[in-house]
C-alpha atoms as a PDB file:
ATOM      1  CA  MET A   1       0.000   0.000   0.000  1.00  0.00           C
ATOM      2  CA  GLU A   2       1.246   3.462  -0.805  1.00  0.00           C
ATOM      3  CA  LEU A   3       0.927   5.725   2.211  1.00  0.00           C
ATOM      4  CA  LYS A   4       0.387   9.463   1.783  1.00  0.00           C
ATOM      5  CA  GLU A   5       0.099  12.376   4.166  1.00  0.00           C
ATOM      6  CA  GLY A   6      -3.509  13.039   5.128  1.00  0.00           C
ATOM      7  CA  MET A   7      -4.592   9.395   4.877  1.00  0.00           C
ATOM      8  CA  TYR A   8      -6.569   7.742   7.648  1.00  0.00           C
ATOM      9  CA  VAL A   9      -5.087   4.577   9.117  1.00  0.00           C
ATOM     10  CA  ARG A  10      -6.408   1.762  11.272  1.00  0.00           C
ATOM     11  CA  THR A  11      -3.620   0.395  13.437  1.00  0.00           C
ATOM     12  CA  LYS A  12      -3.292  -3.284  14.279  1.00  0.00           C
ATOM     13  CA  TYR A  13      -2.065  -5.274  17.232  1.00  0.00           C
ATOM     14  CA  ASN A  14       1.541  -6.342  16.747  1.00  0.00           C
ATOM     15  CA  ASP A  15       4.844  -6.314  18.636  1.00  0.00           C
ATOM     16  CA  PHE A  16       4.735  -2.502  18.756  1.00  0.00           C
ATOM     17  CA  CYS A  17       1.073  -1.430  18.840  1.00  0.00           C
ATOM     18  CA  ASN A  18      -0.944  -2.336  21.899  1.00  0.00           C
ATOM     19  CA  MET A  19      -4.215  -0.892  20.611  1.00  0.00           C
ATOM     20  CA  VAL A  20      -6.366  -0.744  17.500  1.00  0.00           C
ATOM     21  CA  ALA A  21      -7.158   2.875  16.728  1.00  0.00           C
ATOM     22  CA  ILE A  22      -8.021   5.143  13.828  1.00  0.00           C
ATOM     23  CA  ARG A  23      -5.660   8.047  13.257  1.00  0.00           C
ATOM     24  CA  LYS A  24      -4.668  10.479  10.493  1.00  0.00           C
ATOM     25  CA  MET A  25      -1.139  10.643   9.052  1.00  0.00           C
ATOM     26  CA  ASP A  26       0.397  14.081   9.442  1.00  0.00           C
ATOM     27  CA  GLU A  27       3.863  13.613   7.977  1.00  0.00           C
ATOM     28  CA  ILE A  28       5.968  10.892   6.332  1.00  0.00           C
ATOM     29  CA  ASP A  29       9.710  10.698   7.004  1.00  0.00           C
ATOM     30  CA  ASP A  30      12.352   9.713   4.447  1.00  0.00           C
ATOM     31  CA  ASP A  31      12.746   6.309   6.128  1.00  0.00           C
ATOM     32  CA  GLY A  32       9.047   5.504   5.512  1.00  0.00           C
ATOM     33  CA  SER A  33       7.931   5.962   9.094  1.00  0.00           C
ATOM     34  CA  PHE A  34       5.137   8.455   9.651  1.00  0.00           C
ATOM     35  CA  TRP A  35       3.684  10.718  12.298  1.00  0.00           C
ATOM     36  CA  ILE A  36       0.038  10.503  13.339  1.00  0.00           C
ATOM     37  CA  ASP A  37      -2.221  13.249  14.672  1.00  0.00           C
ATOM     38  CA  ASP A  38      -2.798  11.588  18.064  1.00  0.00           C
ATOM     39  CA  TYR A  39      -0.833   9.063  20.047  1.00  0.00           C
ATOM     40  CA  ILE A  40      -1.384   5.325  20.425  1.00  0.00           C
ATOM     41  CA  ILE A  41      -0.227   3.121  23.282  1.00  0.00           C
ATOM     42  CA  ASP A  42       2.706   0.831  22.529  1.00  0.00           C
ATOM     43  CA  THR A  43       3.320  -2.592  24.076  1.00  0.00           C
ATOM     44  CA  TYR A  44       5.314  -0.961  26.891  1.00  0.00           C
ATOM     45  CA  GLY A  45       2.407   1.314  27.844  1.00  0.00           C
ATOM     46  CA  ASP A  46       4.091   4.412  26.418  1.00  0.00           C
ATOM     47  CA  GLU A  47       2.432   6.994  24.193  1.00  0.00           C
ATOM     48  CA  GLN A  48       3.687   6.907  20.592  1.00  0.00           C
ATOM     49  CA  ASN A  49       2.834   9.082  17.623  1.00  0.00           C
ATOM     50  CA  LYS A  50       5.316   7.664  15.112  1.00  0.00           C
ATOM     51  CA  LEU A  51       4.447   4.422  13.277  1.00  0.00           C
ATOM     52  CA  HIS A  52       5.645   2.221  10.425  1.00  0.00           C
ATOM     53  CA  GLU A  53       3.774   0.502   7.607  1.00  0.00           C
ATOM     54  CA  GLU A  54       3.763  -2.839   9.449  1.00  0.00           C
ATOM     55  CA  ASP A  55       1.692  -1.174  12.215  1.00  0.00           C
ATOM     56  CA  ILE A  56      -1.159  -0.463   9.779  1.00  0.00           C
ATOM     57  CA  GLU A  57      -4.079  -2.754   8.983  1.00  0.00           C
ATOM     58  CA  ILE A  58      -5.966  -0.404   6.617  1.00  0.00           C
ATOM     59  CA  ALA A  59      -5.047   2.965   5.082  1.00  0.00           C
ATOM     60  CA  SER A  60      -7.317   5.168   2.977  1.00  0.00           C
ATOM     61  CA  GLU A  61      -8.057   8.753   2.072  1.00  0.00           C
ATOM     62  CA  ASN A  62     -11.733   8.090   2.934  1.00  0.00           C
ATOM     63  CA  ILE A  63     -12.386   7.609   6.635  1.00  0.00           C
ATOM     64  CA  VAL A  64     -15.324   5.267   5.930  1.00  0.00           C
ATOM     65  CA  ASP A  65     -12.867   2.719   4.500  1.00  0.00           C
ATOM     66  CA  VAL A  66     -11.075   2.238   7.837  1.00  0.00           C
ATOM     67  CA  ILE A  67     -14.260   1.795   9.890  1.00  0.00           C
ATOM     68  CA  LYS A  68     -15.563  -1.715  10.604  1.00  0.00           C
ATOM     69  CA  PRO A  69     -18.933  -2.986  11.857  1.00  0.00           C
ATOM     70  CA  GLY A  70     -18.822  -2.968  15.653  1.00  0.00           C
ATOM     71  CA  ASP A  71     -16.912   0.338  15.819  1.00  0.00           C
ATOM     72  CA  TYR A  72     -18.672   3.409  17.218  1.00  0.00           C
ATOM     73  CA  VAL A  73     -19.273   6.488  15.053  1.00  0.00           C
ATOM     74  CA  ASN A  74     -20.607   9.683  16.622  1.00  0.00           C
ATOM     75  CA  GLY A  75     -21.537   7.609  19.688  1.00  0.00           C
ATOM     76  CA  TYR A  76     -23.522   4.945  17.803  1.00  0.00           C
ATOM     77  CA  ARG A  77     -22.505   1.335  17.116  1.00  0.00           C
ATOM     78  CA  VAL A  78     -21.846   0.619  13.419  1.00  0.00           C
ATOM     79  CA  SER A  79     -23.970  -2.251  12.104  1.00  0.00           C
ATOM     80  CA  PHE A  80     -23.357  -1.939   8.367  1.00  0.00           C
ATOM     81  CA  LYS A  81     -20.957  -0.262   5.950  1.00  0.00           C
ATOM     82  CA  ASP A  82     -21.406   0.428   2.236  1.00  0.00           C
ATOM     83  CA  ASN A  83     -18.651   1.617  -0.099  1.00  0.00           C
ATOM     84  CA  ASP A  84     -20.438   1.339  -3.447  1.00  0.00           C
ATOM     85  CA  TYR A  85     -21.926   4.651  -4.605  1.00  0.00           C
ATOM     86  CA  ALA A  86     -21.657   7.077  -1.694  1.00  0.00           C
ATOM     87  CA  PRO A  87     -19.687   5.445   1.138  1.00  0.00           C
ATOM     88  CA  PHE A  88     -21.483   5.489   4.479  1.00  0.00           C
ATOM     89  CA  VAL A  89     -21.756   3.641   7.768  1.00  0.00           C
ATOM     90  CA  GLN A  90     -25.111   2.697   9.228  1.00  0.00           C
ATOM     91  CA  CYS A  91     -25.678   2.754  12.954  1.00  0.00           C
ATOM     92  CA  ASP A  92     -28.701   1.223  14.643  1.00  0.00           C
ATOM     93  CA  TYR A  93     -30.202   2.764  17.749  1.00  0.00           C
ATOM     94  CA  PRO A  94     -32.980   0.910  19.596  1.00  0.00           C
ATOM     95  CA  VAL A  95     -35.620   3.420  20.730  1.00  0.00           C
ATOM     96  CA  GLN A  96     -38.152   1.045  22.268  1.00  0.00           C
ATOM     97  CA  GLU A  97     -38.828  -2.670  22.366  1.00  0.00           C
ATOM     98  CA  GLY A  98     -38.977  -3.936  18.788  1.00  0.00           C
ATOM     99  CA  THR A  99     -38.233  -0.546  17.204  1.00  0.00           C
ATOM    100  CA  THR A 100     -34.851   0.565  15.919  1.00  0.00           C
ATOM    101  CA  ASN A 101     -33.794   3.820  14.304  1.00  0.00           C
ATOM    102  CA  HIS A 102     -31.160   3.661  11.590  1.00  0.00           C
ATOM    103  CA  TYR A 103     -28.672   6.491  11.194  1.00  0.00           C
ATOM    104  CA  ARG A 104     -26.485   6.797   8.132  1.00  0.00           C
ATOM    105  CA  PHE A 105     -23.309   8.801   8.434  1.00  0.00           C
ATOM    106  CA  TYR A 106     -21.456   9.837   5.299  1.00  0.00           C
ATOM    107  CA  GLU A 107     -17.797  10.868   5.324  1.00  0.00           C
ATOM    108  CA  LYS A 108     -18.452  14.568   6.022  1.00  0.00           C
ATOM    109  CA  GLU A 109     -20.814  13.716   8.921  1.00  0.00           C
ATOM    110  CA  ILE A 110     -18.322  11.609  10.891  1.00  0.00           C
ATOM    111  CA  TYR A 111     -16.738  13.547  13.738  1.00  0.00           C
ATOM    112  CA  SER A 112     -15.789  10.826  16.249  1.00  0.00           C
ATOM    113  CA  ILE A 113     -14.787   7.155  16.092  1.00  0.00           C
ATOM    114  CA  VAL A 114     -14.010   4.583  18.746  1.00  0.00           C
ATOM    115  CA  THR A 115     -12.893   1.199  17.448  1.00  0.00           C
ATOM    116  CA  LYS A 116     -14.609  -1.861  18.884  1.00  0.00           C
ATOM    117  CA  GLU A 117     -11.251  -2.864  20.371  1.00  0.00           C
ATOM    118  CA  GLN A 118     -10.868   0.514  22.123  1.00  0.00           C
ATOM    119  CA  PHE A 119     -14.410   0.198  23.453  1.00  0.00           C
ATOM    120  CA  GLU A 120     -13.693  -3.285  24.835  1.00  0.00           C
ATOM    121  CA  ASN A 121     -10.511  -2.025  26.532  1.00  0.00           C
ATOM    122  CA  MET A 122     -12.236   1.002  28.118  1.00  0.00           C
ATOM    123  CA  LYS A 123     -15.516  -0.485  29.282  1.00  0.00           C
ATOM    124  CA  TYR A 124     -16.342  -1.187  32.902  1.00  0.00           C
ATOM    125  CA  GLU A 125     -18.554  -4.203  33.474  1.00  0.00           C
ATOM    126  CA  VAL A 126     -20.999  -3.959  36.362  1.00  0.00           C
ATOM    127  CA  GLU A 127     -21.463  -7.207  38.245  1.00  0.00           C
END
């Protein structure tokens, strides 16, 4: 994959990355490593904002491409993604028993994302 400044990336678990997150590439160095707009946590628990191509699962100029079902967009859980004509993610929101609202978010309407892996790491389960 050819990485370019301004692309969105979805990181992957590996020997370096300890979290799956979506970030934007700010700058690419001559050695092929690149800087991201916000840090990730490495396997040592340290904050890092410089990655390499092997740390990336998906890279795209369209943020919809790096989102997967189960992620959270604008606070809603993604149930479906379509990349055919006008890429969007669909989020379902139950409003009452047996009734569900469906929200579609297109690229320009997406302002926050939490990956399903980040959500699992952050949640607190009540016993």
